[in-house]
Protein backbone atom coordinates (compact mmCIF):
# COMPACT_ATOMS: atom_id res chain seq x y z
CA MET A 1 78.69 93.22 63.03
CA LYS A 2 79.75 90.98 66.06
CA PRO A 3 83.61 90.84 66.48
CA ARG A 4 85.99 87.71 65.56
CA ILE A 5 87.95 86.80 68.27
CA VAL A 6 91.34 84.67 67.88
CA PHE A 7 92.01 82.38 71.19
CA PHE A 8 95.33 81.24 71.07
CA ASP A 9 96.67 78.11 72.89
CA THR A 10 93.80 76.33 73.53
CA LYS A 11 92.68 73.31 74.97
CA PRO A 12 89.43 71.05 74.70
CA TYR A 13 88.43 72.48 78.23
CA ASP A 14 88.75 75.88 76.69
CA ARG A 15 86.59 75.97 73.83
CA GLU A 16 83.76 73.84 76.14
CA TYR A 17 83.89 76.57 78.46
CA PHE A 18 83.95 79.67 76.16
CA ASN A 19 81.36 78.46 73.88
CA ARG A 20 79.08 77.54 76.52
CA ALA A 21 79.98 81.13 78.10
CA ASN A 22 79.17 82.52 74.04
CA ARG A 23 76.03 81.92 74.00
CA ASP A 24 75.38 84.88 76.11
CA TYR A 25 77.40 87.28 73.76
CA ASP A 26 77.22 85.09 70.00
CA TYR A 27 80.90 86.47 69.08
CA SER A 28 82.91 84.48 66.26
CA LEU A 29 85.19 82.56 67.96
CA SER A 30 88.14 80.80 66.43
CA PHE A 31 90.30 78.19 68.43
CA VAL A 32 94.16 77.77 67.54
CA ARG A 33 95.84 74.98 69.28
CA ASP A 34 99.23 76.89 69.17
CA ARG A 35 100.55 79.24 71.06
CA LEU A 36 100.70 82.80 69.99
CA THR A 37 104.31 82.95 68.62
CA HIS A 38 106.15 84.67 65.47
CA ASP A 39 105.12 82.34 63.30
CA THR A 40 101.38 82.24 64.45
CA VAL A 41 100.40 85.82 64.95
CA SER A 42 99.96 86.08 61.52
CA LEU A 43 96.57 83.95 61.92
CA THR A 44 95.18 86.98 63.47
CA ARG A 45 94.60 88.89 60.26
CA ASP A 46 90.91 89.93 59.60
CA ALA A 47 90.06 89.23 63.49
CA ASP A 48 89.25 92.06 65.83
CA ALA A 49 90.44 90.94 69.42
CA VAL A 50 92.93 88.45 70.72
CA CYS A 51 92.66 86.12 73.26
CA ALA A 52 95.57 85.00 74.63
CA PHE A 53 96.91 82.78 77.73
CA ILE A 54 99.95 82.74 80.01
CA ASN A 55 102.50 81.23 77.84
CA ASP A 56 101.61 83.11 74.51
CA ALA A 57 104.23 85.59 73.44
CA ILE A 58 102.93 89.15 73.50
CA ASP A 59 106.49 91.04 72.75
CA ALA A 60 107.37 94.03 70.89
CA HIS A 61 107.58 91.37 67.66
CA ASN A 62 104.08 90.45 67.90
CA ILE A 63 102.72 93.56 69.49
CA GLU A 64 103.55 95.48 66.16
CA ALA A 65 102.01 92.48 63.96
CA LEU A 66 98.88 92.78 65.95
CA TYR A 67 98.77 96.09 65.54
CA GLU A 68 99.16 96.26 61.96
CA ASN A 69 96.53 93.59 61.52
CA ASP A 70 94.52 96.21 63.42
CA ILE A 71 94.36 94.20 66.39
CA LYS A 72 91.63 96.32 68.44
CA LEU A 73 92.36 94.31 72.07
CA ILE A 74 94.09 92.00 73.28
CA ALA A 75 92.23 89.89 76.31
CA LEU A 76 93.97 87.48 78.59
CA ARG A 77 92.41 84.58 80.03
CA SER A 78 94.40 84.91 83.29
CA ALA A 79 95.28 86.81 86.05
CA GLY A 80 99.23 87.16 85.24
CA TYR A 81 100.74 89.29 82.42
CA ASN A 82 104.37 88.93 83.06
CA ASN A 83 104.12 87.74 79.51
CA VAL A 84 103.67 91.29 78.17
CA ASP A 85 105.89 93.79 76.95
CA LEU A 86 103.89 96.79 78.38
CA LYS A 87 106.03 99.60 77.24
CA ALA A 88 105.51 98.15 73.45
CA LEU A 89 101.66 98.27 74.06
CA GLN A 90 101.62 102.08 74.97
CA GLU A 91 99.57 104.05 72.86
CA LYS A 92 98.93 100.66 70.62
CA ILE A 93 96.41 98.38 71.48
CA PRO A 94 94.86 98.08 75.29
CA VAL A 95 94.89 94.63 77.49
CA VAL A 96 92.14 93.14 79.86
CA ARG A 97 92.63 90.63 82.19
CA VAL A 98 90.97 88.34 84.95
CA PRO A 99 92.08 89.70 88.19
CA ALA A 100 89.96 87.29 90.11
CA TYR A 101 88.25 83.75 88.95
CA SER A 102 88.38 82.14 91.51
CA PRO A 103 90.95 82.72 94.61
CA ARG A 104 89.49 79.55 96.45
CA ALA A 105 90.71 77.13 93.63
CA VAL A 106 94.14 78.06 94.06
CA ALA A 107 94.35 78.70 97.80
CA GLU A 108 92.71 75.09 97.87
CA HIS A 109 95.21 73.70 95.54
CA ALA A 110 98.28 75.05 97.52
CA VAL A 111 96.53 73.52 100.62
CA ALA A 112 96.19 69.86 98.89
CA LEU A 113 100.19 70.27 97.65
CA MET A 114 100.82 70.43 101.73
CA LEU A 115 98.26 67.74 103.14
CA THR A 116 99.93 65.26 100.48
CA LEU A 117 103.50 66.48 100.95
CA ASN A 118 103.07 66.02 104.85
CA ARG A 119 100.88 63.03 104.79
CA LYS A 120 102.57 61.33 101.73
CA THR A 121 99.20 60.34 100.41
CA HIS A 122 100.90 60.33 96.70
CA ARG A 123 103.57 58.17 97.83
CA ALA A 124 100.93 55.80 99.69
CA TYR A 125 98.43 55.27 96.95
CA TYR A 126 101.48 53.67 94.84
CA ARG A 127 102.52 51.71 97.48
CA VAL A 128 98.88 49.86 98.12
CA ARG A 129 98.50 49.62 94.58
CA ASP A 130 101.60 47.40 94.64
CA ASN A 131 99.97 45.48 97.59
CA ASN A 132 102.67 46.80 99.87
CA PHE A 133 100.63 48.08 103.01
CA SER A 134 103.72 49.45 104.78
CA ILE A 135 103.87 53.01 106.33
CA ASP A 136 107.14 52.90 107.26
CA GLY A 137 108.30 56.61 106.06
CA LEU A 138 105.24 57.90 105.69
CA MET A 139 104.74 59.77 108.87
CA GLY A 140 103.52 63.30 108.64
CA PHE A 141 102.77 66.11 111.29
CA ASP A 142 99.80 67.60 112.99
CA LEU A 143 99.06 71.31 111.17
CA HIS A 144 97.60 72.28 114.35
CA GLY A 145 99.38 74.03 116.25
CA LYS A 146 102.21 74.75 113.44
CA THR A 147 103.31 78.18 111.96
CA ALA A 148 102.40 79.12 108.42
CA GLY A 149 103.91 81.72 106.40
CA VAL A 150 102.04 83.40 103.75
CA VAL A 151 103.50 85.81 101.28
CA GLY A 152 100.89 87.71 99.75
CA THR A 153 97.58 88.53 101.18
CA GLY A 154 95.71 89.52 97.92
CA LYS A 155 92.20 87.37 97.36
CA ILE A 156 94.29 84.23 97.07
CA GLY A 157 96.61 84.53 99.90
CA LEU A 158 93.13 85.51 102.26
CA ALA A 159 91.72 82.46 101.10
CA ALA A 160 94.68 80.26 102.22
CA ILE A 161 94.52 82.16 105.55
CA ASP A 162 91.10 81.22 105.91
CA ILE A 163 91.83 77.64 105.12
CA LEU A 164 94.98 77.11 107.52
CA ARG A 165 93.61 79.07 110.18
CA GLY A 166 90.54 76.13 109.87
CA PHE A 167 93.47 73.83 110.66
CA GLY A 168 94.48 75.70 113.89
CA MET A 169 97.67 76.81 112.45
CA ARG A 170 99.56 79.92 113.63
CA VAL A 171 99.60 82.28 110.34
CA LEU A 172 102.26 85.00 109.82
CA ALA A 173 101.82 87.11 106.51
CA TYR A 174 104.19 89.48 104.48
CA ASP A 175 103.07 92.06 101.90
CA VAL A 176 104.03 95.05 100.66
CA TYR A 177 101.13 96.57 101.00
CA GLU A 178 99.28 95.14 104.62
CA ASN A 179 95.48 94.66 105.29
CA HIS A 180 95.21 95.65 108.47
CA GLU A 181 91.64 95.20 108.71
CA ALA A 182 91.93 91.55 107.57
CA ALA A 183 94.47 90.56 109.64
CA VAL A 184 92.40 91.46 112.62
CA GLU A 185 89.39 89.90 111.23
CA LYS A 186 91.14 86.78 110.22
CA GLY A 187 93.25 86.13 113.15
CA TYR A 188 96.75 86.38 111.12
CA GLU A 189 99.73 88.97 111.93
CA TYR A 190 102.03 90.78 109.70
CA VAL A 191 105.79 90.27 110.34
CA SER A 192 109.00 90.97 108.38
CA ILE A 193 109.92 88.66 105.69
CA ASP A 194 113.07 87.94 107.79
CA THR A 195 110.88 86.85 111.01
CA LEU A 196 108.39 84.80 108.68
CA LEU A 197 111.02 82.63 107.12
CA ALA A 198 112.82 82.21 110.68
CA ASP A 199 109.64 81.36 112.21
CA SER A 200 107.38 79.47 109.78
CA ASP A 201 107.22 75.61 109.22
CA ILE A 202 105.25 75.81 106.19
CA ILE A 203 105.90 79.05 103.58
CA THR A 204 103.21 79.36 100.69
CA LEU A 205 103.90 82.30 98.13
CA HIS A 206 100.83 83.77 96.85
CA CYS A 207 102.30 86.84 95.37
CA PRO A 208 102.60 88.69 91.93
CA LEU A 209 105.86 88.44 89.91
CA THR A 210 107.90 92.00 89.92
CA PRO A 211 111.08 93.06 89.26
CA ASP A 212 111.81 93.34 92.84
CA ASN A 213 110.57 90.03 93.97
CA VAL A 214 112.58 87.79 91.39
CA HIS A 215 114.32 84.75 93.01
CA MET A 216 112.84 85.93 96.28
CA ILE A 217 113.43 82.51 97.35
CA ASN A 218 117.20 81.85 96.98
CA ARG A 219 120.39 80.47 98.77
CA ASP A 220 119.95 83.06 101.21
CA THR A 221 116.40 83.34 102.28
CA ILE A 222 116.48 79.67 102.18
CA GLY A 223 119.39 79.65 104.81
CA LYS A 224 117.28 81.65 106.74
CA MET A 225 114.42 79.06 107.06
CA LYS A 226 113.77 76.40 110.03
CA ASP A 227 115.34 73.11 109.01
CA GLY A 228 112.91 70.89 107.48
CA VAL A 229 110.74 73.72 106.04
CA MET A 230 107.83 73.12 103.45
CA ILE A 231 107.61 75.51 100.74
CA ILE A 232 104.75 75.72 98.71
CA ASN A 233 104.49 78.01 95.39
CA THR A 234 101.17 78.76 93.52
CA GLY A 235 102.44 82.01 92.52
CA ARG A 236 104.83 82.50 89.67
CA GLY A 237 107.58 80.33 88.94
CA ARG A 238 110.44 82.67 89.29
CA LEU A 239 109.61 83.53 92.85
CA ILE A 240 111.78 80.60 93.30
CA ASP A 241 115.61 79.78 92.37
CA THR A 242 115.07 76.54 91.51
CA ARG A 243 119.04 75.33 91.60
CA ALA A 244 119.00 76.90 94.84
CA LEU A 245 115.59 74.95 95.93
CA ILE A 246 117.23 71.89 94.68
CA ASP A 247 120.27 72.50 96.92
CA GLY A 248 118.40 73.33 99.87
CA ILE A 249 116.36 69.82 99.30
CA LYS A 250 119.74 68.08 98.78
CA GLN A 251 120.99 69.26 102.18
CA ARG A 252 117.92 68.78 103.85
CA LYS A 253 117.21 72.33 104.99
CA ILE A 254 113.84 71.82 103.06
CA GLY A 255 111.66 69.12 104.01
CA SER A 256 109.48 69.41 100.88
CA ALA A 257 108.33 71.42 98.23
CA GLY A 258 104.84 71.67 96.15
CA LEU A 259 105.47 73.49 93.06
CA ASP A 260 102.36 74.31 90.71
CA VAL A 261 104.51 76.80 88.77
CA TYR A 262 108.10 76.55 87.62
CA GLU A 263 110.52 79.44 86.39
CA GLU A 264 111.02 77.65 82.86
CA GLU A 265 107.65 76.23 82.47
CA THR A 266 106.85 77.76 79.20
CA GLU A 267 107.69 74.89 77.01
CA TYR A 268 106.41 71.88 79.00
CA PHE A 269 103.52 72.82 81.18
CA PHE A 270 100.02 72.04 80.05
CA GLU A 271 101.53 69.84 77.40
CA ASP A 272 101.81 65.62 77.24
CA PHE A 273 105.45 64.87 77.03
CA SER A 274 105.20 61.56 78.44
CA SER A 275 106.28 59.66 75.34
CA GLU A 276 109.38 61.85 75.19
CA THR A 277 112.50 62.91 76.93
CA ILE A 278 113.02 65.73 78.96
CA THR A 279 115.67 68.00 78.08
CA ASP A 280 115.37 70.48 81.03
CA ASP A 281 117.60 69.14 83.34
CA VAL A 282 116.60 71.43 86.15
CA LEU A 283 113.06 69.90 85.91
CA ALA A 284 113.93 66.50 85.23
CA ARG A 285 116.07 66.75 88.94
CA LEU A 286 112.73 68.08 90.70
CA THR A 287 110.69 65.27 89.63
CA THR A 288 113.29 62.67 91.12
CA PHE A 289 113.17 63.84 94.71
CA PRO A 290 110.17 61.69 97.03
CA ASN A 291 109.58 65.04 98.75
CA VAL A 292 108.58 67.17 96.13
CA LEU A 293 105.61 67.10 94.13
CA VAL A 294 105.48 68.94 91.00
CA THR A 295 102.05 69.93 89.69
CA SER A 296 101.24 71.43 86.31
CA HIS A 297 99.98 74.97 86.65
CA GLN A 298 96.72 73.64 87.38
CA GLY A 299 95.62 75.72 90.81
CA PHE A 300 93.03 77.49 88.74
CA PHE A 301 91.42 74.31 87.43
CA THR A 302 88.35 73.84 88.55
CA ARG A 303 84.74 74.10 86.84
CA GLU A 304 83.89 77.10 88.50
CA ALA A 305 87.25 79.11 88.04
CA MET A 306 86.87 78.35 84.40
CA THR A 307 83.63 79.38 84.38
CA ASN A 308 84.42 82.63 85.74
CA ILE A 309 87.55 83.04 83.08
CA ALA A 310 85.20 82.62 80.24
CA HIS A 311 82.10 85.17 81.24
CA THR A 312 84.88 87.49 82.44
CA THR A 313 86.89 87.60 79.65
CA LEU A 314 83.75 87.68 77.13
CA GLU A 315 82.28 90.50 79.45
CA ASN A 316 85.71 92.42 79.40
CA ILE A 317 85.20 92.24 75.32
CA ARG A 318 81.90 93.35 75.35
CA LEU A 319 82.90 96.20 77.46
CA PHE A 320 85.19 97.34 75.27
CA PHE A 321 83.46 97.02 71.92
CA GLU A 322 80.02 98.14 72.66
CA GLU A 323 80.28 100.45 75.55
CA ASN A 324 83.60 101.77 74.26
CA THR A 325 84.99 101.82 77.82
CA LEU A 326 88.44 101.46 77.23
CA ARG A 327 89.57 102.72 74.06
CA ASN A 328 93.11 104.52 73.75
CA GLN A 329 94.24 103.20 77.12
CA VAL A 330 95.88 100.41 78.52
CA CYS A 331 93.80 98.85 81.02
CA TYR A 332 94.81 95.94 83.38
CA HIS A 333 90.96 95.33 85.15
CA CYS A 334 87.65 96.11 83.84
CA GLY A 335 84.49 94.94 84.91
């Protein structure tokens, strides 16, 4: 019998792409609009696997409930797993993820934020729609010849470096695990984090969130940056201390910021609050700055990435149930 899979926190585009990919698998798919919470975990009864997203709560309480419901696999349709209590999973339920759905999608979104902030096209768009054709206040700078600092040189970071080098930028990089072969091939240089902070005109974050780098962008590190630096974050929200970022913007130390992630995004991102008041004062303050661009964790959101996410997730599930390759172990990447 084909396994039954319950998907949480789904939108119409999730259903579209997973139903399309499922033509090759013919699994029984159930889509739940709500997130996986302590209240909704009961919906997993009679299921074989759970497919979760970045804002679903895979904490000790829910893991125990899933285990009691005889859930055999948790399939994340994301690369990140900082919403997963890994200790609670031990010896209970394996988990798989999608480690590389489309690095270029995220890298291109990061560069789109850079270009928009630099040339202020978001502001120009609204001016012209209001019949205001003045260009006062819209001046940017040439990217060519400037220095970009890339934190994290995994697949997304390397894709970003390719684009930035194409603009003629000097690229400095920092990573705990340096890829010297790629550095020679692509023409970038590994430096210390302090050197990167001090020398970069644009700093873009492409590293995973770990206990060691929570709030790596903070008051102290902001103080080491160039005046007027641009900061881009398409990685994880908690890489940046948002209150320190706001202070840096107010003091004009930070010239602009592009954020596709936010450290307290769980309540708001992917949802429509256009008819409601945002009660998160920090997020509300961010959206008031003309030199801050916030997008709602959409860096991954391309047709190619959604297709890869759906196929990789279902293939991970097939490997588990049909080939029994992951049983009795915790796995963060298969396929």
